[in-house]
C-alpha cells in the first residue's frame, strides 16, 4: 500500500513539473535561441547542450530559407545555402536590398529579382 502511495506521489510530482515546463514554454515569446541562452546563463544547461540547441535552431532557420529560395528557377542547393548563410530570417531576406542579395555568391541580377519576388509574395 505504501509503495502504491509513493509511486502515485512520484508520478504526480513528475506530472506537475512537466505541466509547469510546458506551460512556461507555451506562454513565452522566446525564440529557441533566446531560450537556450537564458537556460545556459541560469546554469540549467551546460555548454555542449547550449551549442547543440543553437546549432539546431540555426539549422532550422536556414532550412526554411533554403526551402523557399530553392523553389525559384535557377537556384540550386549551393546557391540556396549561400543565401541562407547570408540572412538570419525570411523576413530579413524579404526586406533586403537587391544589391545585397546580388552580392551572394551564385546570385546574379535575374536570380536576385526572382528570389525577392518569391519571398515577397508570401
N, C-alpha and C. Protein backbone atom coordinates (compact mmCIF):
# COMPACT_ATOMS: atom_id res chain seq x y z
N UNK A 1 0.82 -1.18 0.00
CA UNK A 1 0.00 0.00 0.00
C UNK A 1 0.87 1.26 0.00
N UNK A 2 1.93 1.25 0.84
CA UNK A 2 2.82 2.41 0.92
C UNK A 2 3.56 2.59 -0.40
N UNK A 3 3.96 1.49 -1.04
CA UNK A 3 4.64 1.58 -2.34
C UNK A 3 3.72 2.22 -3.37
N UNK A 4 2.45 1.89 -3.35
CA UNK A 4 1.47 2.46 -4.28
C UNK A 4 1.36 3.96 -4.05
N UNK A 5 1.30 4.38 -2.81
CA UNK A 5 1.20 5.80 -2.48
C UNK A 5 2.46 6.52 -2.92
N UNK A 6 3.63 5.93 -2.65
CA UNK A 6 4.90 6.53 -3.06
C UNK A 6 4.97 6.67 -4.59
N UNK A 7 4.55 5.66 -5.29
CA UNK A 7 4.54 5.70 -6.76
C UNK A 7 3.59 6.79 -7.25
N UNK A 8 2.42 6.88 -6.63
CA UNK A 8 1.44 7.90 -7.03
C UNK A 8 1.99 9.30 -6.77
N UNK A 9 2.60 9.51 -5.63
CA UNK A 9 3.17 10.82 -5.29
C UNK A 9 4.28 11.18 -6.27
N UNK A 10 5.13 10.22 -6.59
CA UNK A 10 6.21 10.46 -7.54
C UNK A 10 5.66 10.81 -8.92
N UNK A 11 4.68 10.08 -9.39
CA UNK A 11 4.07 10.36 -10.69
C UNK A 11 3.38 11.71 -10.69
N UNK A 12 2.71 12.05 -9.61
CA UNK A 12 2.03 13.35 -9.52
C UNK A 12 3.05 14.49 -9.55
N UNK A 13 4.16 14.31 -8.87
CA UNK A 13 5.20 15.34 -8.87
C UNK A 13 5.80 15.50 -10.26
N UNK A 14 6.08 14.40 -10.94
CA UNK A 14 6.61 14.46 -12.30
C UNK A 14 5.63 15.12 -13.25
N UNK A 15 4.37 14.81 -13.11
CA UNK A 15 3.34 15.43 -13.95
C UNK A 15 3.27 16.93 -13.71
N UNK A 16 3.37 17.35 -12.46
CA UNK A 16 3.32 18.77 -12.14
C UNK A 16 4.51 19.51 -12.75
N UNK A 17 5.68 18.91 -12.65
CA UNK A 17 6.89 19.52 -13.24
C UNK A 17 6.75 19.61 -14.75
N UNK A 18 6.29 18.56 -15.38
CA UNK A 18 6.12 18.55 -16.83
C UNK A 18 5.09 19.59 -17.26
N UNK A 19 3.98 19.67 -16.54
CA UNK A 19 2.94 20.65 -16.86
C UNK A 19 3.48 22.06 -16.76
N UNK A 20 4.22 22.35 -15.70
CA UNK A 20 4.78 23.69 -15.50
C UNK A 20 5.75 24.03 -16.62
N UNK A 21 6.58 23.08 -16.99
CA UNK A 21 7.54 23.30 -18.06
C UNK A 21 6.85 23.59 -19.38
N UNK A 22 5.86 22.82 -19.72
CA UNK A 22 5.12 23.02 -20.98
C UNK A 22 4.39 24.35 -20.95
N UNK A 23 3.75 24.66 -19.83
CA UNK A 23 3.00 25.92 -19.72
C UNK A 23 3.94 27.11 -19.89
N UNK A 24 5.12 27.07 -19.28
CA UNK A 24 6.08 28.15 -19.41
C UNK A 24 6.54 28.30 -20.86
N UNK A 25 6.78 27.19 -21.53
CA UNK A 25 7.22 27.24 -22.93
C UNK A 25 6.16 27.84 -23.83
N UNK A 26 4.90 27.50 -23.59
CA UNK A 26 3.83 28.00 -24.43
C UNK A 26 3.48 29.45 -24.14
N UNK A 27 3.78 29.93 -22.96
CA UNK A 27 3.40 31.28 -22.59
C UNK A 27 4.49 32.31 -22.88
N UNK A 28 5.62 31.90 -23.39
CA UNK A 28 6.71 32.83 -23.66
C UNK A 28 6.85 33.09 -25.16
N UNK A 29 7.37 34.26 -25.46
CA UNK A 29 7.62 34.61 -26.86
C UNK A 29 9.09 34.43 -27.21
N UNK A 30 9.82 33.71 -26.36
CA UNK A 30 11.24 33.48 -26.60
C UNK A 30 11.46 32.63 -27.84
N UNK A 31 12.47 32.99 -28.60
CA UNK A 31 12.88 32.13 -29.69
C UNK A 31 13.69 30.98 -29.09
N UNK A 32 13.87 29.90 -29.82
CA UNK A 32 14.71 28.81 -29.30
C UNK A 32 16.13 29.27 -28.96
N UNK A 33 16.65 30.23 -29.70
CA UNK A 33 17.99 30.74 -29.42
C UNK A 33 18.00 31.51 -28.10
N UNK A 34 17.00 32.37 -27.90
CA UNK A 34 16.91 33.12 -26.64
C UNK A 34 16.72 32.19 -25.45
N UNK A 35 15.89 31.17 -25.64
CA UNK A 35 15.66 30.21 -24.56
C UNK A 35 16.96 29.49 -24.19
N UNK A 36 17.71 29.05 -25.19
CA UNK A 36 18.96 28.34 -24.92
C UNK A 36 19.95 29.23 -24.18
N UNK A 37 20.05 30.49 -24.60
CA UNK A 37 20.95 31.42 -23.92
C UNK A 37 20.50 31.66 -22.48
N UNK A 38 19.20 31.80 -22.25
CA UNK A 38 18.68 32.02 -20.90
C UNK A 38 18.98 30.81 -20.01
N UNK A 39 18.72 29.61 -20.53
CA UNK A 39 18.97 28.40 -19.75
C UNK A 39 20.45 28.22 -19.43
N UNK A 40 21.31 28.57 -20.37
CA UNK A 40 22.74 28.47 -20.13
C UNK A 40 23.17 29.48 -19.06
N UNK A 41 22.67 30.71 -19.16
CA UNK A 41 23.02 31.74 -18.17
C UNK A 41 22.54 31.35 -16.77
N UNK A 42 21.40 30.66 -16.71
CA UNK A 42 20.86 30.22 -15.42
C UNK A 42 21.54 28.97 -14.90
N UNK A 43 22.39 28.35 -15.70
CA UNK A 43 23.08 27.14 -15.28
C UNK A 43 22.25 25.88 -15.43
N UNK A 44 21.13 25.98 -16.14
CA UNK A 44 20.25 24.83 -16.33
C UNK A 44 20.81 23.85 -17.35
N UNK A 45 21.51 24.38 -18.36
CA UNK A 45 22.14 23.52 -19.36
C UNK A 45 23.62 23.84 -19.43
N UNK A 46 24.42 22.88 -19.86
CA UNK A 46 25.86 23.10 -19.97
C UNK A 46 26.22 23.59 -21.38
N UNK A 47 27.49 23.88 -21.58
CA UNK A 47 27.93 24.44 -22.85
C UNK A 47 27.68 23.52 -24.05
N UNK A 48 27.95 22.21 -23.95
CA UNK A 48 27.65 21.35 -25.10
C UNK A 48 26.15 21.35 -25.46
N UNK A 49 25.29 21.39 -24.45
CA UNK A 49 23.84 21.44 -24.71
C UNK A 49 23.47 22.78 -25.35
N UNK A 50 24.07 23.88 -24.88
CA UNK A 50 23.84 25.19 -25.49
C UNK A 50 24.22 25.16 -26.96
N UNK A 51 25.40 24.65 -27.26
CA UNK A 51 25.86 24.60 -28.64
C UNK A 51 24.95 23.73 -29.50
N UNK A 52 24.49 22.62 -28.97
CA UNK A 52 23.59 21.75 -29.72
C UNK A 52 22.26 22.46 -30.01
N UNK A 53 21.74 23.14 -29.02
CA UNK A 53 20.46 23.85 -29.22
C UNK A 53 20.61 24.99 -30.22
N UNK A 54 21.72 25.72 -30.12
CA UNK A 54 21.94 26.82 -31.06
C UNK A 54 22.11 26.30 -32.48
N UNK A 55 22.85 25.22 -32.64
CA UNK A 55 23.05 24.64 -33.97
C UNK A 55 21.73 24.18 -34.56
N UNK A 56 20.89 23.56 -33.74
CA UNK A 56 19.59 23.10 -34.22
C UNK A 56 18.71 24.27 -34.63
N UNK A 57 18.69 25.33 -33.82
CA UNK A 57 17.86 26.50 -34.14
C UNK A 57 18.33 27.18 -35.42
N UNK A 58 19.63 27.31 -35.56
CA UNK A 58 20.18 27.95 -36.77
C UNK A 58 19.92 27.08 -37.99
N UNK A 59 20.11 25.78 -37.86
CA UNK A 59 19.85 24.89 -38.99
C UNK A 59 18.39 24.94 -39.42
N UNK A 60 17.47 24.99 -38.47
CA UNK A 60 16.04 25.09 -38.80
C UNK A 60 15.75 26.38 -39.56
N UNK A 61 16.31 27.47 -39.08
CA UNK A 61 16.07 28.77 -39.71
C UNK A 61 16.64 28.75 -41.13
N UNK A 62 17.84 28.24 -41.28
CA UNK A 62 18.45 28.19 -42.60
C UNK A 62 17.69 27.24 -43.53
N UNK A 63 17.19 26.16 -42.98
CA UNK A 63 16.43 25.20 -43.79
C UNK A 63 15.18 25.87 -44.37
N UNK A 64 14.50 26.68 -43.58
CA UNK A 64 13.30 27.38 -44.08
C UNK A 64 13.66 28.30 -45.23
N UNK A 65 14.74 29.05 -45.08
CA UNK A 65 15.16 29.96 -46.15
C UNK A 65 15.50 29.15 -47.40
N UNK A 66 16.26 28.07 -47.23
CA UNK A 66 16.65 27.25 -48.38
C UNK A 66 15.43 26.67 -49.09
N UNK A 67 14.46 26.18 -48.35
CA UNK A 67 13.27 25.60 -48.97
C UNK A 67 12.54 26.60 -49.85
N UNK A 68 12.48 27.84 -49.40
CA UNK A 68 11.79 28.87 -50.17
C UNK A 68 12.59 29.28 -51.39
N UNK A 69 13.88 29.57 -51.21
CA UNK A 69 14.66 30.09 -52.34
C UNK A 69 14.99 29.02 -53.37
N UNK A 70 15.12 27.77 -52.94
CA UNK A 70 15.41 26.72 -53.92
C UNK A 70 14.20 26.38 -54.77
N UNK A 71 13.07 26.94 -54.42
CA UNK A 71 11.86 26.80 -55.23
C UNK A 71 11.91 27.71 -56.46
N UNK A 72 12.84 28.65 -56.45
CA UNK A 72 13.00 29.60 -57.56
C UNK A 72 13.82 28.95 -58.66
N UNK A 73 13.37 29.09 -59.89
CA UNK A 73 14.08 28.54 -61.04
C UNK A 73 15.50 29.12 -61.09
N UNK A 74 16.48 28.25 -61.18
CA UNK A 74 17.87 28.69 -61.26
C UNK A 74 18.60 28.71 -59.93
N UNK A 75 17.89 28.44 -58.84
CA UNK A 75 18.55 28.41 -57.52
C UNK A 75 18.67 26.95 -57.09
N UNK A 76 19.90 26.48 -57.06
CA UNK A 76 20.15 25.11 -56.63
C UNK A 76 20.58 25.06 -55.18
N UNK A 77 20.97 23.88 -54.72
CA UNK A 77 21.35 23.72 -53.31
C UNK A 77 22.52 24.61 -52.88
N UNK A 78 23.54 24.76 -53.70
CA UNK A 78 24.70 25.57 -53.31
C UNK A 78 24.31 27.04 -53.16
N UNK A 79 23.55 27.56 -54.10
CA UNK A 79 23.12 28.95 -54.02
C UNK A 79 22.12 29.14 -52.88
N UNK A 80 21.24 28.16 -52.69
CA UNK A 80 20.30 28.23 -51.59
C UNK A 80 21.01 28.30 -50.24
N UNK A 81 22.07 27.49 -50.08
CA UNK A 81 22.84 27.51 -48.84
C UNK A 81 23.55 28.85 -48.67
N UNK A 82 24.09 29.38 -49.75
CA UNK A 82 24.79 30.67 -49.67
C UNK A 82 23.84 31.78 -49.25
N UNK A 83 22.63 31.77 -49.79
CA UNK A 83 21.63 32.78 -49.41
C UNK A 83 21.24 32.59 -47.94
N UNK A 84 21.03 31.35 -47.53
CA UNK A 84 20.64 31.07 -46.14
C UNK A 84 21.71 31.51 -45.15
N UNK A 85 22.98 31.38 -45.53
CA UNK A 85 24.06 31.82 -44.64
C UNK A 85 24.11 33.34 -44.53
N UNK A 86 23.68 34.03 -45.57
CA UNK A 86 23.73 35.49 -45.59
C UNK A 86 22.64 36.14 -44.74
N UNK A 87 21.50 35.49 -44.64
CA UNK A 87 20.34 36.09 -43.97
C UNK A 87 19.96 35.33 -42.70
N UNK A 88 19.53 36.08 -41.70
CA UNK A 88 19.13 35.48 -40.43
C UNK A 88 17.71 34.93 -40.45
N UNK A 89 16.88 35.45 -41.36
CA UNK A 89 15.48 35.03 -41.39
C UNK A 89 14.88 35.33 -42.76
N UNK A 90 13.71 34.74 -43.00
CA UNK A 90 12.99 35.06 -44.23
C UNK A 90 12.57 36.52 -44.25
N UNK A 91 12.22 37.06 -43.08
CA UNK A 91 11.86 38.48 -43.02
C UNK A 91 13.05 39.34 -43.41
N UNK A 92 14.24 38.98 -42.95
CA UNK A 92 15.43 39.72 -43.33
C UNK A 92 15.68 39.67 -44.83
N UNK A 93 15.42 38.52 -45.43
CA UNK A 93 15.57 38.37 -46.87
C UNK A 93 14.51 39.20 -47.60
N UNK A 94 13.27 39.17 -47.10
CA UNK A 94 12.19 39.96 -47.72
C UNK A 94 12.51 41.45 -47.73
N UNK A 95 13.12 41.92 -46.66
CA UNK A 95 13.40 43.35 -46.51
C UNK A 95 14.74 43.76 -47.15
N UNK A 96 15.45 42.79 -47.67
CA UNK A 96 16.78 43.03 -48.20
C UNK A 96 16.75 43.90 -49.46
N UNK A 97 17.82 44.65 -49.62
CA UNK A 97 18.02 45.37 -50.87
C UNK A 97 18.55 44.39 -51.90
N UNK A 98 18.16 44.59 -53.11
CA UNK A 98 18.55 43.70 -54.21
C UNK A 98 20.07 43.61 -54.33
N UNK A 99 20.76 44.71 -54.12
CA UNK A 99 22.21 44.74 -54.25
C UNK A 99 22.89 43.80 -53.25
N UNK A 100 22.35 43.73 -52.04
CA UNK A 100 22.93 42.82 -51.05
C UNK A 100 22.78 41.38 -51.52
N UNK A 101 21.60 41.04 -52.02
CA UNK A 101 21.37 39.68 -52.48
C UNK A 101 22.25 39.35 -53.68
N UNK A 102 22.46 40.32 -54.55
CA UNK A 102 23.34 40.10 -55.71
C UNK A 102 24.78 39.87 -55.29
N UNK A 103 25.14 40.30 -54.08
CA UNK A 103 26.49 40.10 -53.57
C UNK A 103 26.75 38.68 -53.07
N UNK A 104 25.70 37.88 -52.97
CA UNK A 104 25.84 36.48 -52.53
C UNK A 104 26.38 35.67 -53.70
N UNK A 105 27.37 34.83 -53.43
CA UNK A 105 27.99 34.00 -54.47
C UNK A 105 26.92 33.16 -55.19
N UNK A 106 26.90 33.27 -56.50
CA UNK A 106 25.97 32.48 -57.31
C UNK A 106 24.67 33.19 -57.62
N UNK A 107 24.51 34.43 -57.12
CA UNK A 107 23.26 35.17 -57.35
C UNK A 107 23.55 36.35 -58.26
N UNK A 108 22.92 36.33 -59.43
CA UNK A 108 23.04 37.45 -60.36
C UNK A 108 21.79 38.32 -60.31
N UNK A 109 21.71 39.25 -61.23
CA UNK A 109 20.58 40.19 -61.25
C UNK A 109 19.24 39.48 -61.40
N UNK A 110 19.14 38.58 -62.37
CA UNK A 110 17.87 37.89 -62.62
C UNK A 110 17.48 37.00 -61.44
N UNK A 111 18.44 36.28 -60.92
CA UNK A 111 18.15 35.39 -59.79
C UNK A 111 17.73 36.20 -58.56
N UNK A 112 18.43 37.30 -58.30
CA UNK A 112 18.07 38.15 -57.16
C UNK A 112 16.64 38.65 -57.31
N UNK A 113 16.29 39.11 -58.49
CA UNK A 113 14.93 39.59 -58.73
C UNK A 113 13.90 38.50 -58.51
N UNK A 114 14.19 37.31 -59.01
CA UNK A 114 13.25 36.19 -58.87
C UNK A 114 13.11 35.75 -57.43
N UNK A 115 14.22 35.73 -56.69
CA UNK A 115 14.18 35.34 -55.28
C UNK A 115 13.37 36.36 -54.48
N UNK A 116 13.66 37.63 -54.68
CA UNK A 116 12.93 38.66 -53.94
C UNK A 116 11.44 38.63 -54.28
N UNK A 117 11.12 38.42 -55.53
CA UNK A 117 9.71 38.31 -55.93
C UNK A 117 9.05 37.14 -55.21
N UNK A 118 9.74 36.01 -55.14
CA UNK A 118 9.21 34.82 -54.49
C UNK A 118 8.98 35.03 -53.00
N UNK A 119 9.96 35.56 -52.30
CA UNK A 119 9.83 35.71 -50.84
C UNK A 119 8.87 36.82 -50.46
N UNK A 120 8.70 37.79 -51.33
CA UNK A 120 7.79 38.89 -51.02
C UNK A 120 6.34 38.59 -51.34
N UNK A 121 6.09 37.51 -52.07
CA UNK A 121 4.70 37.14 -52.40
C UNK A 121 4.02 36.41 -51.26
N UNK A 122 4.79 35.88 -50.32
CA UNK A 122 4.20 35.16 -49.17
C UNK A 122 3.50 36.10 -48.22
